[in-house]
PDB file of N, CA and C in Angstrom:
ATOM      1  N   HIS A   1      69.385 103.781 108.828  1.00  0.00           N
ATOM      2  CA  HIS A   1      70.251 104.069 109.907  1.00  0.00           C
ATOM      3  C   HIS A   1      70.697 102.629 110.569  1.00  0.00           C
ATOM      4  N   GLY A   2      70.040 101.504 109.924  1.00  0.00           N
ATOM      5  CA  GLY A   2      70.489 100.195 110.414  1.00  0.00           C
ATOM      6  C   GLY A   2      71.289  99.273 109.320  1.00  0.00           C
ATOM      7  N   ASP A   3      71.183  98.202 109.522  1.00  0.00           N
ATOM      8  CA  ASP A   3      71.922  97.156 108.752  1.00  0.00           C
ATOM      9  C   ASP A   3      71.062  96.956 107.468  1.00  0.00           C
ATOM     10  N   ASP A   4      71.228  97.649 106.510  1.00  0.00           N
ATOM     11  CA  ASP A   4      70.379  97.614 105.324  1.00  0.00           C
ATOM     12  C   ASP A   4      70.938  96.564 104.286  1.00  0.00           C
ATOM     13  N   ARG A   5      70.024  96.074 103.640  1.00  0.00           N
ATOM     14  CA  ARG A   5      70.440  95.207 102.265  1.00  0.00           C
ATOM     15  C   ARG A   5      69.825  95.640 101.150  1.00  0.00           C
ATOM     16  N   TYR A   6      70.733  95.729 100.340  1.00  0.00           N
ATOM     17  CA  TYR A   6      70.378  96.315  98.775  1.00  0.00           C
ATOM     18  C   TYR A   6      70.616  95.428  98.018  1.00  0.00           C
ATOM     19  N   LYS A   7      69.570  94.971  96.862  1.00  0.00           N
ATOM     20  CA  LYS A   7      69.828  94.103  95.790  1.00  0.00           C
ATOM     21  C   LYS A   7      68.999  94.336  94.657  1.00  0.00           C
ATOM     22  N   SER A   8      69.700  94.109  93.628  1.00  0.00           N
ATOM     23  CA  SER A   8      68.949  94.223  92.168  1.00  0.00           C
ATOM     24  C   SER A   8      69.369  93.088  91.284  1.00  0.00           C
ATOM     25  N   THR A   9      68.368  92.623  90.532  1.00  0.00           N
ATOM     26  CA  THR A   9      68.683  91.594  89.741  1.00  0.00           C
ATOM     27  C   THR A   9      68.994  91.960  88.281  1.00  0.00           C
ATOM     28  N   GLY A  10      69.006  93.441  88.102  1.00  0.00           N
ATOM     29  CA  GLY A  10      69.494  94.004  86.922  1.00  0.00           C
ATOM     30  C   GLY A  10      68.160  94.200  85.908  1.00  0.00           C
ATOM     31  N   PRO A  11      68.846  94.350  84.688  1.00  0.00           N
ATOM     32  CA  PRO A  11      69.828  94.163  84.123  1.00  0.00           C
ATOM     33  C   PRO A  11      71.067  95.335  84.077  1.00  0.00           C
ATOM     34  N   TYR A  12      70.066  96.622  84.435  1.00  0.00           N
ATOM     35  CA  TYR A  12      70.855  97.772  84.156  1.00  0.00           C
ATOM     36  C   TYR A  12      71.073  98.627  85.385  1.00  0.00           C
ATOM     37  N   TYR A  13      71.304 100.046  85.274  1.00  0.00           N
ATOM     38  CA  TYR A  13      71.574 100.921  86.269  1.00  0.00           C
ATOM     39  C   TYR A  13      70.810 100.987  87.490  1.00  0.00           C
ATOM     40  N   ASN A  14      71.477 101.053  88.552  1.00  0.00           N
ATOM     41  CA  ASN A  14      70.925 101.066  89.898  1.00  0.00           C
ATOM     42  C   ASN A  14      71.844 101.910  90.801  1.00  0.00           C
ATOM     43  N   ALA A  15      71.469 102.426  91.684  1.00  0.00           N
ATOM     44  CA  ALA A  15      72.168 102.954  93.002  1.00  0.00           C
ATOM     45  C   ALA A  15      73.448 103.903  92.719  1.00  0.00           C
ATOM     46  N   GLY A  16      73.218 105.057  92.514  1.00  0.00           N
ATOM     47  CA  GLY A  16      74.223 106.171  92.087  1.00  0.00           C
ATOM     48  C   GLY A  16      74.756 105.853  90.709  1.00  0.00           C
ATOM     49  N   VAL A  17      73.893 105.682  89.943  1.00  0.00           N
ATOM     50  CA  VAL A  17      74.439 105.342  88.525  1.00  0.00           C
ATOM     51  C   VAL A  17      73.677 106.268  87.523  1.00  0.00           C
ATOM     52  N   ALA A  18      74.318 106.814  86.425  1.00  0.00           N
ATOM     53  CA  ALA A  18      73.526 107.806  85.655  1.00  0.00           C
ATOM     54  C   ALA A  18      73.852 107.556  84.252  1.00  0.00           C
ATOM     55  N   TRP A  19      72.955 107.689  83.397  1.00  0.00           N
ATOM     56  CA  TRP A  19      73.293 107.444  81.860  1.00  0.00           C
ATOM     57  C   TRP A  19      72.583 108.720  81.047  1.00  0.00           C
ATOM     58  N   ASP A  20      73.085 108.961  79.958  1.00  0.00           N
ATOM     59  CA  ASP A  20      72.545 109.825  78.885  1.00  0.00           C
ATOM     60  C   ASP A  20      71.985 111.038  79.444  1.00  0.00           C
ATOM     61  N   HIS A  21      73.006 111.973  79.963  1.00  0.00           N
ATOM     62  CA  HIS A  21      72.651 113.167  80.446  1.00  0.00           C
ATOM     63  C   HIS A  21      72.067 113.251  81.726  1.00  0.00           C
ATOM     64  N   SER A  22      71.956 112.179  82.464  1.00  0.00           N
ATOM     65  CA  SER A  22      71.070 112.289  83.654  1.00  0.00           C
ATOM     66  C   SER A  22      72.042 112.564  84.933  1.00  0.00           C
ATOM     67  N   VAL A  23      71.519 112.513  86.100  1.00  0.00           N
ATOM     68  CA  VAL A  23      71.998 112.882  87.358  1.00  0.00           C
ATOM     69  C   VAL A  23      71.498 112.063  88.600  1.00  0.00           C
ATOM     70  N   SER A  24      72.500 111.196  89.141  1.00  0.00           N
ATOM     71  CA  SER A  24      72.028 110.374  90.191  1.00  0.00           C
ATOM     72  C   SER A  24      72.903 110.491  91.558  1.00  0.00           C
ATOM     73  N   LEU A  25      72.181 110.536  92.558  1.00  0.00           N
ATOM     74  CA  LEU A  25      72.871 110.400  93.741  1.00  0.00           C
ATOM     75  C   LEU A  25      72.269 109.419  94.925  1.00  0.00           C
ATOM     76  N   THR A  26      73.133 108.592  95.338  1.00  0.00           N
ATOM     77  CA  THR A  26      72.533 107.582  96.308  1.00  0.00           C
ATOM     78  C   THR A  26      73.237 107.892  97.500  1.00  0.00           C
ATOM     79  N   ILE A  27      72.655 107.998  98.723  1.00  0.00           N
ATOM     80  CA  ILE A  27      73.407 108.085 100.123  1.00  0.00           C
ATOM     81  C   ILE A  27      72.867 107.128 100.919  1.00  0.00           C
ATOM     82  N   ASP A  28      73.499 106.371 101.624  1.00  0.00           N
ATOM     83  CA  ASP A  28      73.266 105.461 102.846  1.00  0.00           C
ATOM     84  C   ASP A  28      73.821 106.186 103.975  1.00  0.00           C
ATOM     85  N   ALA A  29      72.969 106.747 104.835  1.00  0.00           N
ATOM     86  CA  ALA A  29      73.339 107.188 106.065  1.00  0.00           C
ATOM     87  C   ALA A  29      73.374 106.583 107.212  1.00  0.00           C
ATOM     88  N   GLY A  30      74.382 106.658 108.192  1.00  0.00           N
ATOM     89  CA  GLY A  30      74.602 105.922 109.357  1.00  0.00           C
ATOM     90  C   GLY A  30      75.610 104.977 109.051  1.00  0.00           C
ATOM     91  N   ILE A  31      75.791 104.020 110.411  1.00  0.00           N
ATOM     92  CA  ILE A  31      77.137 103.199 110.292  1.00  0.00           C
ATOM     93  C   ILE A  31      76.714 101.768 110.438  1.00  0.00           C
ATOM     94  N   GLY A  32      75.755 101.522 110.054  1.00  0.00           N
ATOM     95  CA  GLY A  32      75.174 100.079 110.057  1.00  0.00           C
ATOM     96  C   GLY A  32      75.908  99.134 108.919  1.00  0.00           C
ATOM     97  N   GLN A  33      76.035  97.962 109.088  1.00  0.00           N
ATOM     98  CA  GLN A  33      76.704  96.921 108.365  1.00  0.00           C
ATOM     99  C   GLN A  33      75.711  96.489 107.177  1.00  0.00           C
ATOM    100  N   ASP A  34      75.922  97.350 106.037  1.00  0.00           N
ATOM    101  CA  ASP A  34      75.202  97.231 104.991  1.00  0.00           C
ATOM    102  C   ASP A  34      75.586  96.193 103.898  1.00  0.00           C
ATOM    103  N   SER A  35      74.660  95.543 103.232  1.00  0.00           N
ATOM    104  CA  SER A  35      75.118  94.502 102.127  1.00  0.00           C
ATOM    105  C   SER A  35      74.479  95.245 100.934  1.00  0.00           C
ATOM    106  N   TYR A  36      75.427  95.321  99.853  1.00  0.00           N
ATOM    107  CA  TYR A  36      75.174  95.495  98.547  1.00  0.00           C
ATOM    108  C   TYR A  36      75.333  94.434  97.516  1.00  0.00           C
ATOM    109  N   THR A  37      74.351  93.777  97.086  1.00  0.00           N
ATOM    110  CA  THR A  37      74.494  92.706  96.031  1.00  0.00           C
ATOM    111  C   THR A  37      73.742  93.349  94.753  1.00  0.00           C
ATOM    112  N   PHE A  38      74.639  93.450  93.931  1.00  0.00           N
ATOM    113  CA  PHE A  38      74.522  94.047  92.428  1.00  0.00           C
ATOM    114  C   PHE A  38      74.977  93.308  91.534  1.00  0.00           C
ATOM    115  N   ASP A  39      75.045  91.854  91.856  1.00  0.00           N
ATOM    116  CA  ASP A  39      75.803  91.119  90.760  1.00  0.00           C
ATOM    117  C   ASP A  39      75.333  90.672  89.328  1.00  0.00           C
ATOM    118  N   GLY A  40      73.987  91.379  89.380  1.00  0.00           N
ATOM    119  CA  GLY A  40      73.222  90.961  87.903  1.00  0.00           C
ATOM    120  C   GLY A  40      73.200  92.387  87.370  1.00  0.00           C
ATOM    121  N   THR A  41      73.694  93.442  87.633  1.00  0.00           N
ATOM    122  CA  THR A  41      73.322  94.778  87.288  1.00  0.00           C
ATOM    123  C   THR A  41      74.518  95.635  87.127  1.00  0.00           C
ATOM    124  N   THR A  42      74.661  96.685  86.546  1.00  0.00           N
ATOM    125  CA  THR A  42      75.677  97.602  86.443  1.00  0.00           C
ATOM    126  C   THR A  42      75.408  98.525  87.596  1.00  0.00           C
ATOM    127  N   GLY A  43      76.360  98.921  88.531  1.00  0.00           N
ATOM    128  CA  GLY A  43      76.223  99.893  89.467  1.00  0.00           C
ATOM    129  C   GLY A  43      76.928  99.671  90.695  1.00  0.00           C
ATOM    130  N   LEU A  44      77.139 100.489  91.375  1.00  0.00           N
ATOM    131  CA  LEU A  44      77.382 101.479  92.369  1.00  0.00           C
ATOM    132  C   LEU A  44      78.255 102.651  91.841  1.00  0.00           C
ATOM    133  N   GLY A  45      77.838 103.769  91.669  1.00  0.00           N
ATOM    134  CA  GLY A  45      78.874 104.789  91.252  1.00  0.00           C
ATOM    135  C   GLY A  45      79.450 104.732  89.952  1.00  0.00           C
ATOM    136  N   LYS A  46      78.553 104.683  88.982  1.00  0.00           N
ATOM    137  CA  LYS A  46      79.016 104.672  87.511  1.00  0.00           C
ATOM    138  C   LYS A  46      78.286 105.374  86.898  1.00  0.00           C
ATOM    139  N   ALA A  47      78.996 106.243  85.620  1.00  0.00           N
ATOM    140  CA  ALA A  47      78.309 107.044  84.814  1.00  0.00           C
ATOM    141  C   ALA A  47      78.601 106.903  83.224  1.00  0.00           C
ATOM    142  N   ASP A  48      77.773 107.025  82.508  1.00  0.00           N
ATOM    143  CA  ASP A  48      77.997 106.901  80.992  1.00  0.00           C
ATOM    144  C   ASP A  48      77.288 108.073  80.347  1.00  0.00           C
ATOM    145  N   HIS A  49      77.854 108.258  79.057  1.00  0.00           N
ATOM    146  CA  HIS A  49      77.124 109.158  78.197  1.00  0.00           C
ATOM    147  C   HIS A  49      76.793 110.550  78.809  1.00  0.00           C
ATOM    148  N   THR A  50      77.791 111.192  79.364  1.00  0.00           N
ATOM    149  CA  THR A  50      77.672 112.510  79.967  1.00  0.00           C
ATOM    150  C   THR A  50      76.811 112.659  81.200  1.00  0.00           C
ATOM    151  N   GLY A  51      76.499 111.412  81.819  1.00  0.00           N
ATOM    152  CA  GLY A  51      76.054 111.387  83.018  1.00  0.00           C
ATOM    153  C   GLY A  51      76.666 111.860  84.166  1.00  0.00           C
ATOM    154  N   TRP A  52      76.274 112.060  85.509  1.00  0.00           N
ATOM    155  CA  TRP A  52      77.020 112.473  86.563  1.00  0.00           C
ATOM    156  C   TRP A  52      76.233 111.569  87.711  1.00  0.00           C
ATOM    157  N   ALA A  53      77.114 110.762  88.451  1.00  0.00           N
ATOM    158  CA  ALA A  53      76.722 109.885  89.472  1.00  0.00           C
ATOM    159  C   ALA A  53      77.472 109.760  90.592  1.00  0.00           C
ATOM    160  N   VAL A  54      76.799 109.709  91.792  1.00  0.00           N
ATOM    161  CA  VAL A  54      77.585 109.744  93.177  1.00  0.00           C
ATOM    162  C   VAL A  54      76.926 108.767  93.912  1.00  0.00           C
ATOM    163  N   PHE A  55      77.865 107.679  94.592  1.00  0.00           N
ATOM    164  CA  PHE A  55      77.462 106.852  95.405  1.00  0.00           C
ATOM    165  C   PHE A  55      78.122 107.064  96.614  1.00  0.00           C
ATOM    166  N   LEU A  56      77.449 107.313  98.049  1.00  0.00           N
ATOM    167  CA  LEU A  56      78.061 107.589  99.293  1.00  0.00           C
ATOM    168  C   LEU A  56      77.623 106.695 100.368  1.00  0.00           C
ATOM    169  N   ASP A  57      78.255 105.956 100.884  1.00  0.00           N
ATOM    170  CA  ASP A  57      77.993 105.229 102.158  1.00  0.00           C
ATOM    171  C   ASP A  57      78.694 105.978 103.228  1.00  0.00           C
ATOM    172  N   GLU A  58      77.976 106.238 104.459  1.00  0.00           N
ATOM    173  CA  GLU A  58      78.556 106.953 105.646  1.00  0.00           C
ATOM    174  C   GLU A  58      79.481 106.089 106.369  1.00  0.00           C
ATOM    175  N   GLY A  59      79.251 104.814 106.464  1.00  0.00           N
ATOM    176  CA  GLY A  59      80.063 104.111 107.299  1.00  0.00           C
ATOM    177  C   GLY A  59      79.430 102.676 107.631  1.00  0.00           C
ATOM    178  N   GLY A  60      80.181 102.117 108.499  1.00  0.00           N
ATOM    179  CA  GLY A  60      79.929 100.653 108.846  1.00  0.00           C
ATOM    180  C   GLY A  60      80.810  99.655 108.010  1.00  0.00           C
ATOM    181  N   HIS A  61      80.697  98.357 108.612  1.00  0.00           N
ATOM    182  CA  HIS A  61      81.475  97.457 108.054  1.00  0.00           C
ATOM    183  C   HIS A  61      80.645  96.787 106.911  1.00  0.00           C
ATOM    184  N   ASP A  62      80.844  97.298 105.767  1.00  0.00           N
ATOM    185  CA  ASP A  62      79.895  96.980 104.741  1.00  0.00           C
ATOM    186  C   ASP A  62      80.372  95.805 103.602  1.00  0.00           C
ATOM    187  N   ALA A  63      79.484  95.189 102.918  1.00  0.00           N
ATOM    188  CA  ALA A  63      79.888  94.344 102.063  1.00  0.00           C
ATOM    189  C   ALA A  63      79.269  94.617 100.696  1.00  0.00           C
ATOM    190  N   TYR A  64      80.281  94.560  99.521  1.00  0.00           N
ATOM    191  CA  TYR A  64      79.865  94.879  98.194  1.00  0.00           C
ATOM    192  C   TYR A  64      80.209  93.795  97.336  1.00  0.00           C
ATOM    193  N   ARG A  65      79.024  93.472  96.721  1.00  0.00           N
ATOM    194  CA  ARG A  65      79.286  92.368  95.589  1.00  0.00           C
ATOM    195  C   ARG A  65      78.528  92.930  94.401  1.00  0.00           C
ATOM    196  N   VAL A  66      79.539  93.549  93.614  1.00  0.00           N
ATOM    197  CA  VAL A  66      79.101  94.326  92.409  1.00  0.00           C
ATOM    198  C   VAL A  66      79.864  94.041  91.078  1.00  0.00           C
ATOM    199  N   LYS A  67      78.935  93.977  89.974  1.00  0.00           N
ATOM    200  CA  LYS A  67      79.413  93.586  88.692  1.00  0.00           C
ATOM    201  C   LYS A  67      80.284  94.521  87.932  1.00  0.00           C
ATOM    202  N   SER A  68      79.952  95.874  88.235  1.00  0.00           N
ATOM    203  CA  SER A  68      80.767  97.106  87.870  1.00  0.00           C
ATOM    204  C   SER A  68      80.406  98.313  88.793  1.00  0.00           C
ATOM    205  N   GLY A  69      81.243  99.529  88.198  1.00  0.00           N
ATOM    206  CA  GLY A  69      80.991 100.579  88.999  1.00  0.00           C
ATOM    207  C   GLY A  69      82.094 101.050  89.746  1.00  0.00           C
ATOM    208  N   PHE A  70      82.009 101.528  91.050  1.00  0.00           N
ATOM    209  CA  PHE A  70      83.041 102.048  91.912  1.00  0.00           C
ATOM    210  C   PHE A  70      83.818 103.119  90.987  1.00  0.00           C
ATOM    211  N   GLY A  71      82.984 104.071  90.642  1.00  0.00           N
ATOM    212  CA  GLY A  71      83.521 105.172  89.991  1.00  0.00           C
ATOM    213  C   GLY A  71      84.070 105.059  88.531  1.00  0.00           C
ATOM    214  N   GLU A  72      83.411 104.169  87.807  1.00  0.00           N
ATOM    215  CA  GLU A  72      83.785 103.871  86.343  1.00  0.00           C
ATOM    216  C   GLU A  72      83.049 104.958  85.583  1.00  0.00           C
ATOM    217  N   THR A  73      83.771 105.427  84.540  1.00  0.00           N
ATOM    218  CA  THR A  73      83.067 106.215  83.612  1.00  0.00           C
ATOM    219  C   THR A  73      83.446 106.126  82.134  1.00  0.00           C
ATOM    220  N   SER A  74      82.219 106.599  81.107  1.00  0.00           N
ATOM    221  CA  SER A  74      82.649 106.669  79.759  1.00  0.00           C
ATOM    222  C   SER A  74      82.037 107.986  79.432  1.00  0.00           C
ATOM    223  N   GLU A  75      82.641 108.430  78.044  1.00  0.00           N
ATOM    224  CA  GLU A  75      82.132 109.452  77.377  1.00  0.00           C
ATOM    225  C   GLU A  75      81.749 110.605  78.102  1.00  0.00           C
ATOM    226  N   GLN A  76      82.762 111.286  78.651  1.00  0.00           N
ATOM    227  CA  GLN A  76      82.698 112.601  79.145  1.00  0.00           C
ATOM    228  C   GLN A  76      81.551 112.874  80.437  1.00  0.00           C
ATOM    229  N   SER A  77      81.733 111.662  81.084  1.00  0.00           N
ATOM    230  CA  SER A  77      80.856 111.354  82.388  1.00  0.00           C
ATOM    231  C   SER A  77      81.704 111.879  83.746  1.00  0.00           C
ATOM    232  N   PHE A  78      80.910 111.946  84.754  1.00  0.00           N
ATOM    233  CA  PHE A  78      81.622 111.968  86.106  1.00  0.00           C
ATOM    234  C   PHE A  78      80.844 110.950  87.133  1.00  0.00           C
ATOM    235  N   ALA A  79      81.640 110.187  87.665  1.00  0.00           N
ATOM    236  CA  ALA A  79      81.252 109.377  88.803  1.00  0.00           C
ATOM    237  C   ALA A  79      82.156 109.245  89.928  1.00  0.00           C
ATOM    238  N   ALA A  80      81.574 109.112  91.109  1.00  0.00           N
ATOM    239  CA  ALA A  80      82.163 108.900  92.318  1.00  0.00           C
ATOM    240  C   ALA A  80      81.582 107.763  93.278  1.00  0.00           C
ATOM    241  N   PHE A  81      82.501 107.101  93.775  1.00  0.00           N
ATOM    242  CA  PHE A  81      82.027 105.975  94.773  1.00  0.00           C
ATOM    243  C   PHE A  81      82.965 106.315  96.103  1.00  0.00           C
ATOM    244  N   ILE A  82      82.196 106.551  97.177  1.00  0.00           N
ATOM    245  CA  ILE A  82      82.837 106.967  98.512  1.00  0.00           C
ATOM    246  C   ILE A  82      82.203 106.241  99.669  1.00  0.00           C
ATOM    247  N   ASP A  83      83.305 105.405 100.195  1.00  0.00           N
ATOM    248  CA  ASP A  83      82.617 105.070 101.698  1.00  0.00           C
ATOM    249  C   ASP A  83      83.547 105.442 102.747  1.00  0.00           C
ATOM    250  N   LEU A  84      82.902 106.072 103.657  1.00  0.00           N
ATOM    251  CA  LEU A  84      83.676 107.057 104.558  1.00  0.00           C
ATOM    252  C   LEU A  84      84.150 106.461 105.735  1.00  0.00           C
ATOM    253  N   THR A  85      83.624 105.191 106.169  1.00  0.00           N
ATOM    254  CA  THR A  85      84.619 104.603 107.458  1.00  0.00           C
ATOM    255  C   THR A  85      84.105 102.878 107.485  1.00  0.00           C
ATOM    256  N   GLY A  86      84.830 102.269 108.245  1.00  0.00           N
ATOM    257  CA  GLY A  86      84.527 100.751 108.321  1.00  0.00           C
ATOM    258  C   GLY A  86      85.414  99.964 107.709  1.00  0.00           C
ATOM    259  N   GLU A  87      85.556  98.769 107.864  1.00  0.00           N
ATOM    260  CA  GLU A  87      86.345  97.573 107.444  1.00  0.00           C
ATOM    261  C   GLU A  87      85.358  97.034 106.367  1.00  0.00           C
ATOM    262  N   ASP A  88      85.513  97.308 105.081  1.00  0.00           N
ATOM    263  CA  ASP A  88      84.543  96.766 104.250  1.00  0.00           C
ATOM    264  C   ASP A  88      85.107  95.658 103.534  1.00  0.00           C
ATOM    265  N   GLN A  89      84.230  94.896 102.794  1.00  0.00           N
ATOM    266  CA  GLN A  89      84.333  93.682 101.909  1.00  0.00           C
ATOM    267  C   GLN A  89      84.048  93.892 100.444  1.00  0.00           C
ATOM    268  N   TYR A  90      85.046  93.885  99.570  1.00  0.00           N
ATOM    269  CA  TYR A  90      84.554  94.019  98.044  1.00  0.00           C
ATOM    270  C   TYR A  90      84.866  92.908  97.208  1.00  0.00           C
ATOM    271  N   SER A  91      83.837  92.673  96.525  1.00  0.00           N
ATOM    272  CA  SER A  91      83.719  91.558  95.360  1.00  0.00           C
ATOM    273  C   SER A  91      83.551  92.352  94.037  1.00  0.00           C
ATOM    274  N   LEU A  92      84.419  92.426  93.246  1.00  0.00           N
ATOM    275  CA  LEU A  92      84.189  93.014  91.930  1.00  0.00           C
ATOM    276  C   LEU A  92      84.176  91.885  90.937  1.00  0.00           C
ATOM    277  N   LEU A  93      82.897  91.696  90.396  1.00  0.00           N
ATOM    278  CA  LEU A  93      82.927  90.536  89.549  1.00  0.00           C
ATOM    279  C   LEU A  93      83.203  90.532  88.120  1.00  0.00           C
ATOM    280  N   SER A  94      83.492  91.881  87.598  1.00  0.00           N
ATOM    281  CA  SER A  94      84.062  92.296  86.241  1.00  0.00           C
ATOM    282  C   SER A  94      84.498  93.606  86.263  1.00  0.00           C
ATOM    283  N   GLY A  95      84.753  94.202  85.205  1.00  0.00           N
ATOM    284  CA  GLY A  95      85.318  95.514  85.132  1.00  0.00           C
ATOM    285  C   GLY A  95      86.759  95.624  84.820  1.00  0.00           C
ATOM    286  N   VAL A  96      87.258  96.728  85.290  1.00  0.00           N
ATOM    287  CA  VAL A  96      88.776  97.040  84.895  1.00  0.00           C
ATOM    288  C   VAL A  96      89.866  96.032  85.550  1.00  0.00           C
ATOM    289  N   PRO A  97      90.345  95.359  84.953  1.00  0.00           N
ATOM    290  CA  PRO A  97      91.346  94.271  85.415  1.00  0.00           C
ATOM    291  C   PRO A  97      92.303  94.707  86.297  1.00  0.00           C
ATOM    292  N   ASP A  98      92.923  95.993  86.237  1.00  0.00           N
ATOM    293  CA  ASP A  98      93.905  96.382  87.120  1.00  0.00           C
ATOM    294  C   ASP A  98      93.405  97.058  88.299  1.00  0.00           C
ATOM    295  N   PHE A  99      92.299  96.899  88.589  1.00  0.00           N
ATOM    296  CA  PHE A  99      91.646  97.487  89.862  1.00  0.00           C
ATOM    297  C   PHE A  99      90.820  96.575  90.791  1.00  0.00           C
ATOM    298  N   ARG A 100      91.412  96.399  91.939  1.00  0.00           N
ATOM    299  CA  ARG A 100      90.608  95.744  92.983  1.00  0.00           C
ATOM    300  C   ARG A 100      90.291  96.722  94.247  1.00  0.00           C
ATOM    301  N   PRO A 101      89.150  97.000  94.440  1.00  0.00           N
ATOM    302  CA  PRO A 101      88.820  97.925  95.302  1.00  0.00           C
ATOM    303  C   PRO A 101      88.947  97.432  96.832  1.00  0.00           C
ATOM    304  N   GLY A 102      89.377  98.237  97.702  1.00  0.00           N
ATOM    305  CA  GLY A 102      89.885  97.889  98.944  1.00  0.00           C
ATOM    306  C   GLY A 102      89.739  99.056  99.916  1.00  0.00           C
ATOM    307  N   ASN A 103      89.837  98.743 101.244  1.00  0.00           N
ATOM    308  CA  ASN A 103      89.888  99.753 102.213  1.00  0.00           C
ATOM    309  C   ASN A 103      91.018 100.634 102.189  1.00  0.00           C
ATOM    310  N   SER A 104      90.803 101.876 102.713  1.00  0.00           N
ATOM    311  CA  SER A 104      91.762 102.824 102.846  1.00  0.00           C
ATOM    312  C   SER A 104      92.421 103.194 101.414  1.00  0.00           C
ATOM    313  N   MET A 105      91.688 103.377 100.522  1.00  0.00           N
ATOM    314  CA  MET A 105      92.446 103.554  99.116  1.00  0.00           C
ATOM    315  C   MET A 105      91.641 104.642  98.464  1.00  0.00           C
ATOM    316  N   ILE A 106      92.391 105.415  97.617  1.00  0.00           N
ATOM    317  CA  ILE A 106      91.826 106.319  96.605  1.00  0.00           C
ATOM    318  C   ILE A 106      92.263 105.842  95.072  1.00  0.00           C
ATOM    319  N   PHE A 107      91.506 105.846  94.270  1.00  0.00           N
ATOM    320  CA  PHE A 107      91.671 105.450  92.878  1.00  0.00           C
ATOM    321  C   PHE A 107      91.018 106.064  91.948  1.00  0.00           C
ATOM    322  N   SER A 108      91.472 106.528  90.679  1.00  0.00           N
ATOM    323  CA  SER A 108      90.619 106.916  89.429  1.00  0.00           C
ATOM    324  C   SER A 108      91.057 106.071  88.303  1.00  0.00           C
ATOM    325  N   HIS A 109      89.837 105.583  87.600  1.00  0.00           N
ATOM    326  CA  HIS A 109      89.770 104.983  86.387  1.00  0.00           C
ATOM    327  C   HIS A 109      90.288 105.932  85.231  1.00  0.00           C
ATOM    328  N   GLY A 110      90.315 107.284  85.596  1.00  0.00           N
ATOM    329  CA  GLY A 110      90.766 108.259  84.419  1.00  0.00           C
ATOM    330  C   GLY A 110      89.875 109.523  84.672  1.00  0.00           C
ATOM    331  N   THR A 111      89.786 110.606  83.804  1.00  0.00           N
ATOM    332  CA  THR A 111      89.179 111.616  83.771  1.00  0.00           C
ATOM    333  C   THR A 111      87.682 111.497  84.083  1.00  0.00           C
ATOM    334  N   GLY A 112      87.386 112.316  85.255  1.00  0.00           N
ATOM    335  CA  GLY A 112      85.952 111.989  85.859  1.00  0.00           C
ATOM    336  C   GLY A 112      85.730 110.962  86.851  1.00  0.00           C
ATOM    337  N   SER A 113      86.561 110.279  87.062  1.00  0.00           N
ATOM    338  CA  SER A 113      86.381 109.091  87.856  1.00  0.00           C
ATOM    339  C   SER A 113      87.051 109.045  89.129  1.00  0.00           C
ATOM    340  N   PHE A 114      86.183 108.758  90.164  1.00  0.00           N
ATOM    341  CA  PHE A 114      86.768 108.841  91.699  1.00  0.00           C
ATOM    342  C   PHE A 114      86.478 107.731  92.493  1.00  0.00           C
ATOM    343  N   PHE A 115      87.296 106.927  93.222  1.00  0.00           N
ATOM    344  CA  PHE A 115      86.892 105.979  94.196  1.00  0.00           C
ATOM    345  C   PHE A 115      87.683 106.284  95.321  1.00  0.00           C
ATOM    346  N   GLN A 116      86.968 106.209  96.477  1.00  0.00           N
ATOM    347  CA  GLN A 116      87.692 106.294  97.871  1.00  0.00           C
ATOM    348  C   GLN A 116      86.883 105.752  98.885  1.00  0.00           C
ATOM    349  N   ASP A 117      87.919 104.776  99.525  1.00  0.00           N
ATOM    350  CA  ASP A 117      87.326 104.079 100.782  1.00  0.00           C
ATOM    351  C   ASP A 117      88.286 104.599 101.741  1.00  0.00           C
ATOM    352  N   ARG A 118      87.759 105.363 102.970  1.00  0.00           N
ATOM    353  CA  ARG A 118      88.540 105.872 104.033  1.00  0.00           C
ATOM    354  C   ARG A 118      88.786 104.826 105.045  1.00  0.00           C
TER     355      ARG A 118
END
C-alpha cells in the first residue's frame, strides 16, 4: 500500500505473465507511486501459448520501464494490463512498433489482448 519498487533482471516471465496453459494474476493494491523496472525480462501483462495473464495496478503516479507486455498475446492466449488511476510514465523498450502506452487510453493488440490506463 506504499511506494513499491518492482524489478527483475530476467530473462523471462514476471508479474502478470503466463506461458504454456498457465494462469497468472498480479495486483498492486493502493495508490502509492510505484516503480516497475522490467527492462531485462518479458512482462507485465503478457501471455503466450494459451496462457491467461492479468496485471492490475490500482492507482498512483506509477513509472513503468518494460521490455514487453502491456497486454501482448500469442497463440490463443488472453492478457490484460490495467492501471486504474494516476498520471503514469511509460517506457516500452521493444515490442509492437505502432503502440506506445499512455495515460487515459484503451488499446488491443488483437484477439485476447487488452490494455487500459484510466
